Amino acid sequence: MTMKEKSRIMDKNGMLRTLTRMAHEILEKNKGTQDLVIIGVRTRGAYLAMRLAAVIEQIDGHKPPVGILDITLYRDDLSSIAQQPVVHKTEIDFDIKDKKVILVDDVLYTGRTIRAALDEIIDFGRPLFIQLAVLIDRGHRELPIRADYVGKNIPTSMKETVEVRLEETESKDEVVVLESYQ
């Protein structure tokens, strides 16, 4: 199956505007940065979490701690993704007990990645609450999970894929929709 680019949803400036809006929403809903921590799902969610924390610092003057979550061992499809899956380190060097956790990922789809991330976060302690921030929500949920902060909702078909490309991983900031064809 081959994928071709169907449309570009967001460019570098659009991504910055979106993250800035999301940062304002997070600060407003949580009344500032007191007890706020940000945890990104590796890989792109982690980079977005770092960017979100930097924007929050520009707005509020205080940068919340940022952690990185590797959910590989918490996935419910571990045996089907690879014979020997690559496991990276989870990097949360702060206490999450009684903290306001903002979990960040790039694309919300079925909800299974977020379920795995929630399981892992709870293994680190009991936060006050966990809120979900995603750059893109493309629908097609299989689990009852919704984001508290959404950069952009993009209705998609099952033949389409949403790809978030970041400077840190693909040397370019953009969000595109790819469509499969024979």
C-alpha atoms as a PDB file:
ATOM      1  CA  MET A   1       0.000   0.000   0.000  1.00  0.00           C
ATOM      2  CA  THR A   2       1.337   3.389  -1.017  1.00  0.00           C
ATOM      3  CA  MET A   3       0.620   6.684   0.719  1.00  0.00           C
ATOM      4  CA  LYS A   4       0.394  10.051  -1.006  1.00  0.00           C
ATOM      5  CA  GLU A   5       0.024  13.491   0.517  1.00  0.00           C
ATOM      6  CA  LYS A   6      -3.592  14.609   0.352  1.00  0.00           C
ATOM      7  CA  SER A   7      -3.354  17.947   2.167  1.00  0.00           C
ATOM      8  CA  ARG A   8      -1.197  20.065   4.434  1.00  0.00           C
ATOM      9  CA  ILE A   9      -3.111  21.018   7.567  1.00  0.00           C
ATOM     10  CA  MET A  10      -0.525  23.059   9.437  1.00  0.00           C
ATOM     11  CA  ASP A  11       2.816  24.721   8.721  1.00  0.00           C
ATOM     12  CA  LYS A  12       5.488  26.004  11.114  1.00  0.00           C
ATOM     13  CA  ASN A  13       3.662  29.276  11.895  1.00  0.00           C
ATOM     14  CA  GLY A  14       0.346  27.478  12.313  1.00  0.00           C
ATOM     15  CA  MET A  15       1.951  25.037  14.739  1.00  0.00           C
ATOM     16  CA  LEU A  16       3.412  27.870  16.828  1.00  0.00           C
ATOM     17  CA  ARG A  17       0.058  29.696  16.917  1.00  0.00           C
ATOM     18  CA  THR A  18      -1.689  26.473  17.914  1.00  0.00           C
ATOM     19  CA  LEU A  19       0.777  25.687  20.719  1.00  0.00           C
ATOM     20  CA  THR A  20       0.501  29.291  21.962  1.00  0.00           C
ATOM     21  CA  ARG A  21      -3.305  29.032  22.115  1.00  0.00           C
ATOM     22  CA  MET A  22      -3.076  25.674  23.890  1.00  0.00           C
ATOM     23  CA  ALA A  23      -0.578  27.137  26.408  1.00  0.00           C
ATOM     24  CA  HIS A  24      -2.995  29.984  27.189  1.00  0.00           C
ATOM     25  CA  GLU A  25      -5.842  27.483  27.653  1.00  0.00           C
ATOM     26  CA  ILE A  26      -3.721  25.340  29.986  1.00  0.00           C
ATOM     27  CA  LEU A  27      -2.709  28.357  32.077  1.00  0.00           C
ATOM     28  CA  GLU A  28      -6.277  29.626  32.275  1.00  0.00           C
ATOM     29  CA  LYS A  29      -7.818  26.286  33.219  1.00  0.00           C
ATOM     30  CA  ASN A  30      -5.131  25.539  35.817  1.00  0.00           C
ATOM     31  CA  LYS A  31      -4.870  29.115  37.151  1.00  0.00           C
ATOM     32  CA  GLY A  32      -1.156  29.378  36.367  1.00  0.00           C
ATOM     33  CA  THR A  33       1.742  26.986  36.725  1.00  0.00           C
ATOM     34  CA  GLN A  34       1.513  26.121  40.430  1.00  0.00           C
ATOM     35  CA  ASP A  35       1.939  22.304  40.754  1.00  0.00           C
ATOM     36  CA  LEU A  36       1.811  21.947  36.949  1.00  0.00           C
ATOM     37  CA  VAL A  37       4.005  19.363  35.218  1.00  0.00           C
ATOM     38  CA  ILE A  38       4.099  18.390  31.551  1.00  0.00           C
ATOM     39  CA  ILE A  39       4.777  14.861  30.334  1.00  0.00           C
ATOM     40  CA  GLY A  40       5.150  14.054  26.641  1.00  0.00           C
ATOM     41  CA  VAL A  41       4.708  10.667  24.991  1.00  0.00           C
ATOM     42  CA  ARG A  42       7.911   9.738  23.182  1.00  0.00           C
ATOM     43  CA  THR A  43       8.786  10.745  20.421  1.00  0.00           C
ATOM     44  CA  ARG A  44       6.814  13.633  18.950  1.00  0.00           C
ATOM     45  CA  GLY A  45       4.679  14.142  22.065  1.00  0.00           C
ATOM     46  CA  ALA A  46       7.893  14.676  24.029  1.00  0.00           C
ATOM     47  CA  TYR A  47       9.105  17.383  21.635  1.00  0.00           C
ATOM     48  CA  LEU A  48       5.678  19.042  21.679  1.00  0.00           C
ATOM     49  CA  ALA A  49       5.704  18.921  25.503  1.00  0.00           C
ATOM     50  CA  MET A  50       9.068  20.745  25.555  1.00  0.00           C
ATOM     51  CA  ARG A  51       7.754  23.356  23.139  1.00  0.00           C
ATOM     52  CA  LEU A  52       4.559  23.800  25.155  1.00  0.00           C
ATOM     53  CA  ALA A  53       6.563  24.281  28.359  1.00  0.00           C
ATOM     54  CA  ALA A  54       8.729  26.906  26.623  1.00  0.00           C
ATOM     55  CA  VAL A  55       5.636  28.818  25.426  1.00  0.00           C
ATOM     56  CA  ILE A  56       4.128  28.620  28.922  1.00  0.00           C
ATOM     57  CA  GLU A  57       7.371  30.068  30.300  1.00  0.00           C
ATOM     58  CA  GLN A  58       7.205  32.969  27.794  1.00  0.00           C
ATOM     59  CA  ILE A  59       3.632  33.735  28.865  1.00  0.00           C
ATOM     60  CA  ASP A  60       3.807  33.072  32.614  1.00  0.00           C
ATOM     61  CA  GLY A  61       7.496  33.506  33.460  1.00  0.00           C
ATOM     62  CA  HIS A  62       7.715  30.020  34.980  1.00  0.00           C
ATOM     63  CA  LYS A  63       8.616  26.866  33.090  1.00  0.00           C
ATOM     64  CA  PRO A  64       6.890  23.735  34.384  1.00  0.00           C
ATOM     65  CA  PRO A  65       8.987  20.568  34.718  1.00  0.00           C
ATOM     66  CA  VAL A  66       8.899  18.365  31.603  1.00  0.00           C
ATOM     67  CA  GLY A  67       9.089  14.584  31.542  1.00  0.00           C
ATOM     68  CA  ILE A  68       9.237  12.033  28.739  1.00  0.00           C
ATOM     69  CA  LEU A  69       7.215   8.831  28.746  1.00  0.00           C
ATOM     70  CA  ASP A  70       8.137   5.720  26.765  1.00  0.00           C
ATOM     71  CA  ILE A  71       4.992   3.592  26.648  1.00  0.00           C
ATOM     72  CA  THR A  72       6.451   0.674  24.669  1.00  0.00           C
ATOM     73  CA  LEU A  73       6.098  -1.881  27.472  1.00  0.00           C
ATOM     74  CA  TYR A  74       2.578  -0.658  28.311  1.00  0.00           C
ATOM     75  CA  ARG A  75       1.145  -1.142  24.808  1.00  0.00           C
ATOM     76  CA  ASP A  76      -1.620  -3.705  24.300  1.00  0.00           C
ATOM     77  CA  ASP A  77      -0.233  -4.554  20.833  1.00  0.00           C
ATOM     78  CA  LEU A  78       3.386  -5.101  21.869  1.00  0.00           C
ATOM     79  CA  SER A  79       3.666  -8.522  20.251  1.00  0.00           C
ATOM     80  CA  SER A  80       2.321  -7.251  16.936  1.00  0.00           C
ATOM     81  CA  ILE A  81       4.497  -4.139  16.537  1.00  0.00           C
ATOM     82  CA  ALA A  82       7.894  -5.879  16.448  1.00  0.00           C
ATOM     83  CA  GLN A  83       9.683  -9.093  17.343  1.00  0.00           C
ATOM     84  CA  GLN A  84      12.109  -7.118  19.525  1.00  0.00           C
ATOM     85  CA  PRO A  85      10.556  -3.696  20.190  1.00  0.00           C
ATOM     86  CA  VAL A  86      12.961  -0.871  20.939  1.00  0.00           C
ATOM     87  CA  VAL A  87      12.449   0.363  24.481  1.00  0.00           C
ATOM     88  CA  HIS A  88      13.682   3.825  25.405  1.00  0.00           C
ATOM     89  CA  LYS A  89      14.019   5.339  28.831  1.00  0.00           C
ATOM     90  CA  THR A  90      11.148   7.094  30.540  1.00  0.00           C
ATOM     91  CA  GLU A  91      12.513  10.349  31.945  1.00  0.00           C
ATOM     92  CA  ILE A  92      10.444  11.735  34.797  1.00  0.00           C
ATOM     93  CA  ASP A  93      12.864  13.149  37.365  1.00  0.00           C
ATOM     94  CA  PHE A  94      10.249  14.876  39.512  1.00  0.00           C
ATOM     95  CA  ASP A  95       7.534  13.701  41.866  1.00  0.00           C
ATOM     96  CA  ILE A  96       4.057  13.623  40.294  1.00  0.00           C
ATOM     97  CA  LYS A  97       2.216  13.051  43.581  1.00  0.00           C
ATOM     98  CA  ASP A  98      -0.520  15.687  43.916  1.00  0.00           C
ATOM     99  CA  LYS A  99       0.628  17.434  40.714  1.00  0.00           C
ATOM    100  CA  LYS A 100      -1.481  18.682  37.818  1.00  0.00           C
ATOM    101  CA  VAL A 101      -0.173  16.532  34.966  1.00  0.00           C
ATOM    102  CA  ILE A 102      -0.562  17.657  31.370  1.00  0.00           C
ATOM    103  CA  LEU A 103      -0.030  14.603  29.149  1.00  0.00           C
ATOM    104  CA  VAL A 104       1.014  15.616  25.618  1.00  0.00           C
ATOM    105  CA  ASP A 105       0.896  13.648  22.368  1.00  0.00           C
ATOM    106  CA  ASP A 106       0.923  14.556  18.706  1.00  0.00           C
ATOM    107  CA  VAL A 107      -2.138  12.701  17.330  1.00  0.00           C
ATOM    108  CA  LEU A 108      -5.138  11.278  19.179  1.00  0.00           C
ATOM    109  CA  TYR A 109      -6.629   8.405  17.199  1.00  0.00           C
ATOM    110  CA  THR A 110      -7.962   5.196  18.797  1.00  0.00           C
ATOM    111  CA  GLY A 111      -7.016   6.206  22.351  1.00  0.00           C
ATOM    112  CA  ARG A 112      -4.846   3.129  22.941  1.00  0.00           C
ATOM    113  CA  THR A 113      -1.589   5.084  23.170  1.00  0.00           C
ATOM    114  CA  ILE A 114      -3.119   7.378  25.774  1.00  0.00           C
ATOM    115  CA  ARG A 115      -4.483   4.421  27.758  1.00  0.00           C
ATOM    116  CA  ALA A 116      -0.963   2.978  27.890  1.00  0.00           C
ATOM    117  CA  ALA A 117       0.453   6.377  28.903  1.00  0.00           C
ATOM    118  CA  LEU A 118      -2.106   6.718  31.717  1.00  0.00           C
ATOM    119  CA  ASP A 119      -1.187   3.262  33.030  1.00  0.00           C
ATOM    120  CA  GLU A 120       2.493   4.192  33.111  1.00  0.00           C
ATOM    121  CA  ILE A 121       1.956   7.600  34.729  1.00  0.00           C
ATOM    122  CA  ILE A 122      -0.060   6.014  37.552  1.00  0.00           C
ATOM    123  CA  ASP A 123       2.899   3.683  38.191  1.00  0.00           C
ATOM    124  CA  PHE A 124       4.923   6.827  39.059  1.00  0.00           C
ATOM    125  CA  GLY A 125       2.491   8.028  41.697  1.00  0.00           C
ATOM    126  CA  ARG A 126      -0.925   9.552  42.192  1.00  0.00           C
ATOM    127  CA  PRO A 127      -1.253  12.949  40.535  1.00  0.00           C
ATOM    128  CA  LEU A 128      -3.960  15.415  41.514  1.00  0.00           C
ATOM    129  CA  PHE A 129      -5.322  14.908  37.982  1.00  0.00           C
ATOM    130  CA  ILE A 130      -4.203  14.232  34.428  1.00  0.00           C
ATOM    131  CA  GLN A 131      -5.272  16.402  31.512  1.00  0.00           C
ATOM    132  CA  LEU A 132      -4.623  15.481  27.882  1.00  0.00           C
ATOM    133  CA  ALA A 133      -3.245  17.903  25.276  1.00  0.00           C
ATOM    134  CA  VAL A 134      -2.954  16.787  21.652  1.00  0.00           C
ATOM    135  CA  LEU A 135      -1.899  18.714  18.581  1.00  0.00           C
ATOM    136  CA  ILE A 136      -4.315  16.780  16.353  1.00  0.00           C
ATOM    137  CA  ASP A 137      -7.503  14.839  17.117  1.00  0.00           C
ATOM    138  CA  ARG A 138      -8.434  12.737  14.100  1.00  0.00           C
ATOM    139  CA  GLY A 139     -11.345  10.806  15.605  1.00  0.00           C
ATOM    140  CA  HIS A 140     -12.025   7.034  15.321  1.00  0.00           C
ATOM    141  CA  ARG A 141     -11.801   6.361  19.072  1.00  0.00           C
ATOM    142  CA  GLU A 142     -11.855   2.755  20.286  1.00  0.00           C
ATOM    143  CA  LEU A 143     -11.690   3.753  23.957  1.00  0.00           C
ATOM    144  CA  PRO A 144     -13.619   6.428  25.888  1.00  0.00           C
ATOM    145  CA  ILE A 145     -10.773   8.950  25.893  1.00  0.00           C
ATOM    146  CA  ARG A 146     -10.979  12.627  24.948  1.00  0.00           C
ATOM    147  CA  ALA A 147      -8.497  15.466  24.996  1.00  0.00           C
ATOM    148  CA  ASP A 148      -8.837  18.484  27.291  1.00  0.00           C
ATOM    149  CA  TYR A 149      -6.804  20.633  24.889  1.00  0.00           C
ATOM    150  CA  VAL A 150      -6.899  20.077  21.121  1.00  0.00           C
ATOM    151  CA  GLY A 151      -4.817  21.979  18.622  1.00  0.00           C
ATOM    152  CA  LYS A 152      -6.979  21.001  15.664  1.00  0.00           C
ATOM    153  CA  ASN A 153      -9.734  18.486  14.991  1.00  0.00           C
ATOM    154  CA  ILE A 154      -9.268  16.770  11.632  1.00  0.00           C
ATOM    155  CA  PRO A 155     -12.024  14.356  10.587  1.00  0.00           C
ATOM    156  CA  THR A 156     -10.357  11.540   8.663  1.00  0.00           C
ATOM    157  CA  SER A 157     -11.318   8.352   6.887  1.00  0.00           C
ATOM    158  CA  MET A 158      -9.796   4.998   7.755  1.00  0.00           C
ATOM    159  CA  LYS A 159      -7.759   5.210   4.513  1.00  0.00           C
ATOM    160  CA  GLU A 160      -6.042   8.351   5.740  1.00  0.00           C
ATOM    161  CA  THR A 161      -3.142   8.909   8.105  1.00  0.00           C
ATOM    162  CA  VAL A 162      -2.243  12.124   9.893  1.00  0.00           C
ATOM    163  CA  GLU A 163       1.477  12.728  10.086  1.00  0.00           C
ATOM    164  CA  VAL A 164       3.009  15.316  12.399  1.00  0.00           C
ATOM    165  CA  ARG A 165       6.473  16.282  11.219  1.00  0.00           C
ATOM    166  CA  LEU A 166       8.747  18.210  13.537  1.00  0.00           C
ATOM    167  CA  GLU A 167      12.073  19.978  13.072  1.00  0.00           C
ATOM    168  CA  GLU A 168      13.599  17.693  15.719  1.00  0.00           C
ATOM    169  CA  THR A 169      12.697  14.505  13.812  1.00  0.00           C
ATOM    170  CA  GLU A 170      12.009  15.399  10.161  1.00  0.00           C
ATOM    171  CA  SER A 171      13.760  18.819   9.878  1.00  0.00           C
ATOM    172  CA  LYS A 172      10.418  20.493   9.106  1.00  0.00           C
ATOM    173  CA  ASP A 173       7.371  21.595  11.100  1.00  0.00           C
ATOM    174  CA  GLU A 174       4.104  20.589   9.421  1.00  0.00           C
ATOM    175  CA  VAL A 175       1.039  18.403   9.729  1.00  0.00           C
ATOM    176  CA  VAL A 176      -0.125  16.525   6.639  1.00  0.00           C
ATOM    177  CA  VAL A 177      -2.880  14.096   5.797  1.00  0.00           C
ATOM    178  CA  LEU A 178      -1.748  11.108   3.762  1.00  0.00           C
ATOM    179  CA  GLU A 179      -4.124   8.884   1.806  1.00  0.00           C
ATOM    180  CA  SER A 180      -3.516   5.265   0.843  1.00  0.00           C
ATOM    181  CA  TYR A 181      -4.018   4.134  -2.722  1.00  0.00           C
ATOM    182  CA  GLN A 182      -3.307   0.988  -4.737  1.00  0.00           C
END
